[in-house]
Amino acid sequence: MNKKKKIFALILTLFMVMGLGENVFAYTEDPLFIGGKLERGVSNMYYYVDSTAEGYTYLINNAVDNWVDTGYGWNPIYMSPVASNYATDVDFYAYFNDDINGSILAKTSFCDINEGYIDPMVKNWFFAKIEINDVVISQYPTDTQQGTIAHELGHAFGLDHQDLNKYSIMCQVGFGRITQRVDEISHNAINTLYN
């Protein structure tokens, strides 16, 4: 089923549920993919934490460990930290930007081998750069910070937002994400994307 049909079916389902007067949260269980993925796969990855993000190292390591061992069985993800960003798969930085709405906790950029930014909807990427917005994320509890880092890692792997499912790590905080750990749908999506 294409994306437009899925959205139409979801909207129709929401109208039917609302028409019944029941308080039911409807969401799709289909994973949403960005379009591309990491060129080198996720089986033997290296990640780098820049000095600007050293204060988040513990949370980054926990988010990485959560993707490696989600609790839902095997997946191909394996990541190791390294001291340099030479030929890494994911790099972490902190930037200090109080965005206009104060709503951007972190962002992921997708890069080619020459560190040029690419459109992940049309091309695979050599590595991803995750930037943590220090000014905004510091206003949230530690578990939300770790969940946000795990969410951005999901983007780095190729997963898109799952904002209709507040129980998905790929739901944004602004859409009411409840979980701060990798969910089964996101876990299974990695297996689909990289197997």
Protein backbone atom coordinates (compact mmCIF):
# COMPACT_ATOMS: atom_id res chain seq x y z
CA MET A 1 0.00 0.00 0.00
CA ASN A 2 1.50 3.38 -0.93
CA LYS A 3 1.96 6.21 1.55
CA LYS A 4 -1.10 8.21 0.41
CA LYS A 5 -3.39 5.20 0.76
CA LYS A 6 -1.97 4.46 4.24
CA ILE A 7 -2.58 8.03 5.36
CA PHE A 8 -6.12 8.00 3.94
CA ALA A 9 -6.86 4.67 5.67
CA LEU A 10 -5.51 6.02 8.95
CA ILE A 11 -7.58 9.22 8.72
CA LEU A 12 -10.69 7.20 7.86
CA THR A 13 -10.04 4.94 10.86
CA LEU A 14 -9.63 7.95 13.12
CA PHE A 15 -12.95 9.40 11.93
CA MET A 16 -14.68 6.08 12.54
CA VAL A 17 -13.22 5.79 16.03
CA MET A 18 -14.14 9.39 16.87
CA GLY A 19 -17.62 8.78 15.51
CA LEU A 20 -18.08 5.94 17.98
CA GLY A 21 -17.29 8.32 20.82
CA GLU A 22 -14.59 6.05 22.17
CA ASN A 23 -11.33 7.33 23.55
CA VAL A 24 -8.99 5.14 21.49
CA PHE A 25 -5.52 6.08 20.29
CA ALA A 26 -5.15 4.80 16.73
CA TYR A 27 -1.78 4.44 15.04
CA THR A 28 -0.14 2.57 12.23
CA GLU A 29 2.10 -0.38 13.00
CA ASP A 30 3.87 -0.03 9.67
CA PRO A 31 7.37 1.39 10.09
CA LEU A 32 8.08 4.61 8.26
CA PHE A 33 11.37 4.84 6.38
CA ILE A 34 13.19 7.97 5.26
CA GLY A 35 14.01 6.51 1.85
CA GLY A 36 17.72 5.82 2.07
CA LYS A 37 19.94 4.10 4.61
CA LEU A 38 23.53 3.90 5.80
CA GLU A 39 25.66 2.74 2.86
CA ARG A 40 27.86 0.51 5.01
CA GLY A 41 25.01 -1.02 6.98
CA VAL A 42 24.62 -1.17 10.75
CA SER A 43 26.50 -4.35 11.64
CA ASN A 44 29.92 -2.92 12.46
CA MET A 45 29.48 0.77 13.16
CA TYR A 46 31.70 3.32 14.83
CA TYR A 47 30.49 6.45 16.58
CA TYR A 48 32.33 9.53 17.72
CA VAL A 49 31.38 11.96 20.51
CA ASP A 50 32.84 15.42 19.91
CA SER A 51 34.16 17.45 22.86
CA THR A 52 31.10 19.72 22.54
CA ALA A 53 28.87 16.73 23.40
CA GLU A 54 31.06 15.12 26.09
CA GLY A 55 28.48 15.99 28.74
CA TYR A 56 26.05 13.65 26.96
CA THR A 57 28.45 10.70 26.60
CA TYR A 58 26.68 8.61 29.25
CA LEU A 59 23.26 9.18 27.62
CA ILE A 60 24.69 8.56 24.13
CA ASN A 61 26.25 5.27 25.25
CA ASN A 62 22.96 4.20 26.88
CA ALA A 63 20.98 5.08 23.72
CA VAL A 64 23.46 3.12 21.59
CA ASP A 65 23.24 0.14 23.96
CA ASN A 66 19.44 0.27 23.74
CA TRP A 67 19.59 -0.02 19.93
CA VAL A 68 22.16 -2.84 20.13
CA ASP A 69 20.06 -4.75 22.65
CA THR A 70 16.44 -3.65 22.33
CA GLY A 71 15.01 -6.56 24.29
CA TYR A 72 13.05 -7.76 21.22
CA GLY A 73 15.54 -10.33 19.93
CA TRP A 74 18.31 -10.10 17.39
CA ASN A 75 18.96 -7.15 15.12
CA PRO A 76 22.07 -6.40 13.05
CA ILE A 77 23.12 -3.24 14.95
CA TYR A 78 26.53 -3.22 16.59
CA MET A 79 28.26 0.05 17.49
CA SER A 80 31.60 0.89 19.07
CA PRO A 81 32.85 4.29 20.30
CA VAL A 82 36.07 5.70 18.83
CA ALA A 83 38.25 8.70 19.70
CA SER A 84 38.33 10.26 16.23
CA ASN A 85 35.67 11.02 13.64
CA TYR A 86 37.71 9.49 10.82
CA ALA A 87 35.48 7.15 8.76
CA THR A 88 32.83 6.91 11.48
CA ASP A 89 29.19 6.07 10.88
CA VAL A 90 27.58 8.45 13.39
CA ASP A 91 29.08 11.59 14.93
CA PHE A 92 27.60 13.43 17.93
CA TYR A 93 27.95 17.16 18.51
CA ALA A 94 26.23 19.67 20.77
CA TYR A 95 25.22 23.02 19.40
CA PHE A 96 23.94 25.97 21.33
CA ASN A 97 20.89 27.34 19.59
CA ASP A 98 17.76 28.53 21.30
CA ASP A 99 15.47 27.98 18.31
CA ILE A 100 12.49 30.28 17.94
CA ASN A 101 9.92 27.86 19.34
CA GLY A 102 12.27 26.08 21.72
CA SER A 103 11.12 22.81 20.24
CA ILE A 104 14.18 21.35 18.49
CA LEU A 105 15.94 19.05 20.97
CA ALA A 106 18.33 17.56 18.41
CA LYS A 107 18.69 17.07 14.68
CA THR A 108 20.24 14.55 12.32
CA SER A 109 22.03 15.42 9.10
CA PHE A 110 23.01 12.95 6.40
CA CYS A 111 26.39 13.20 4.69
CA ASP A 112 28.30 11.71 1.78
CA ILE A 113 31.91 10.51 2.04
CA ASN A 114 33.17 14.08 1.47
CA GLU A 115 31.05 15.44 4.34
CA GLY A 116 28.60 17.08 1.95
CA TYR A 117 24.97 17.09 3.03
CA ILE A 118 22.60 14.91 1.03
CA ASP A 119 18.85 14.38 0.74
CA PRO A 120 18.22 11.08 2.57
CA MET A 121 14.94 10.60 0.75
CA VAL A 122 16.73 10.01 -2.55
CA LYS A 123 20.22 8.79 -1.67
CA ASN A 124 21.98 6.56 0.85
CA TRP A 125 24.44 8.26 3.20
CA PHE A 126 28.01 7.49 4.23
CA PHE A 127 27.57 8.80 7.76
CA ALA A 128 25.13 10.77 9.89
CA LYS A 129 25.76 13.76 12.12
CA ILE A 130 23.60 14.13 15.23
CA GLU A 131 23.56 17.56 16.83
CA ILE A 132 22.11 17.94 20.32
CA ASN A 133 20.56 21.34 21.02
CA ASP A 134 22.08 21.97 24.43
CA VAL A 135 19.90 24.97 25.28
CA VAL A 136 16.59 23.21 24.66
CA ILE A 137 17.30 19.59 25.62
CA SER A 138 18.67 20.62 29.02
CA GLN A 139 15.12 21.71 29.97
CA TYR A 140 13.93 18.07 29.81
CA PRO A 141 14.42 15.15 32.21
CA THR A 142 17.41 12.87 31.67
CA ASP A 143 15.28 9.98 30.38
CA THR A 144 13.75 12.25 27.71
CA GLN A 145 17.23 13.39 26.73
CA GLN A 146 18.34 9.78 26.30
CA GLY A 147 15.15 8.97 24.39
CA THR A 148 15.81 11.90 22.08
CA ILE A 149 19.31 10.62 21.34
CA ALA A 150 17.86 7.16 20.62
CA HIS A 151 15.24 8.82 18.38
CA GLU A 152 17.97 10.60 16.40
CA LEU A 153 19.91 7.34 16.07
CA GLY A 154 16.77 5.88 14.51
CA HIS A 155 16.98 8.63 11.87
CA ALA A 156 20.68 7.91 11.36
CA PHE A 157 19.75 4.30 10.61
CA GLY A 158 16.99 5.31 8.16
CA LEU A 159 13.77 5.47 10.18
CA ASP A 160 11.34 8.36 9.76
CA HIS A 161 8.98 9.90 12.31
CA GLN A 162 6.15 7.76 13.69
CA ASP A 163 4.21 10.65 15.22
CA LEU A 164 0.86 8.84 15.28
CA ASN A 165 2.29 6.27 17.68
CA LYS A 166 3.28 7.86 20.99
CA TYR A 167 4.65 4.47 22.08
CA SER A 168 7.31 4.56 19.34
CA ILE A 169 10.80 5.91 19.93
CA MET A 170 10.38 7.50 16.49
CA CYS A 171 7.52 9.69 17.74
CA GLN A 172 8.68 13.24 18.45
CA VAL A 173 8.50 14.65 21.97
CA GLY A 174 6.22 17.41 20.68
CA PHE A 175 3.71 14.75 19.58
CA GLY A 176 3.56 13.22 23.06
CA ARG A 177 6.14 10.42 22.89
CA ILE A 178 5.70 8.28 26.00
CA THR A 179 8.53 5.79 25.61
CA GLN A 180 12.21 6.65 25.85
CA ARG A 181 13.37 3.21 24.72
CA VAL A 182 13.41 1.45 21.38
CA ASP A 183 10.04 -0.17 20.68
CA GLU A 184 9.37 -3.45 18.88
CA ILE A 185 8.11 -1.80 15.68
CA SER A 186 11.31 0.24 15.35
CA HIS A 187 13.41 -2.82 16.20
CA ASN A 188 11.66 -4.84 13.50
CA ALA A 189 12.01 -1.97 11.02
CA ILE A 190 15.81 -2.18 11.32
CA ASN A 191 15.66 -5.88 10.52
CA THR A 192 13.50 -5.10 7.47
CA LEU A 193 15.78 -2.31 6.27
CA TYR A 194 19.12 -4.07 6.71
CA ASN A 195 18.35 -7.73 6.01
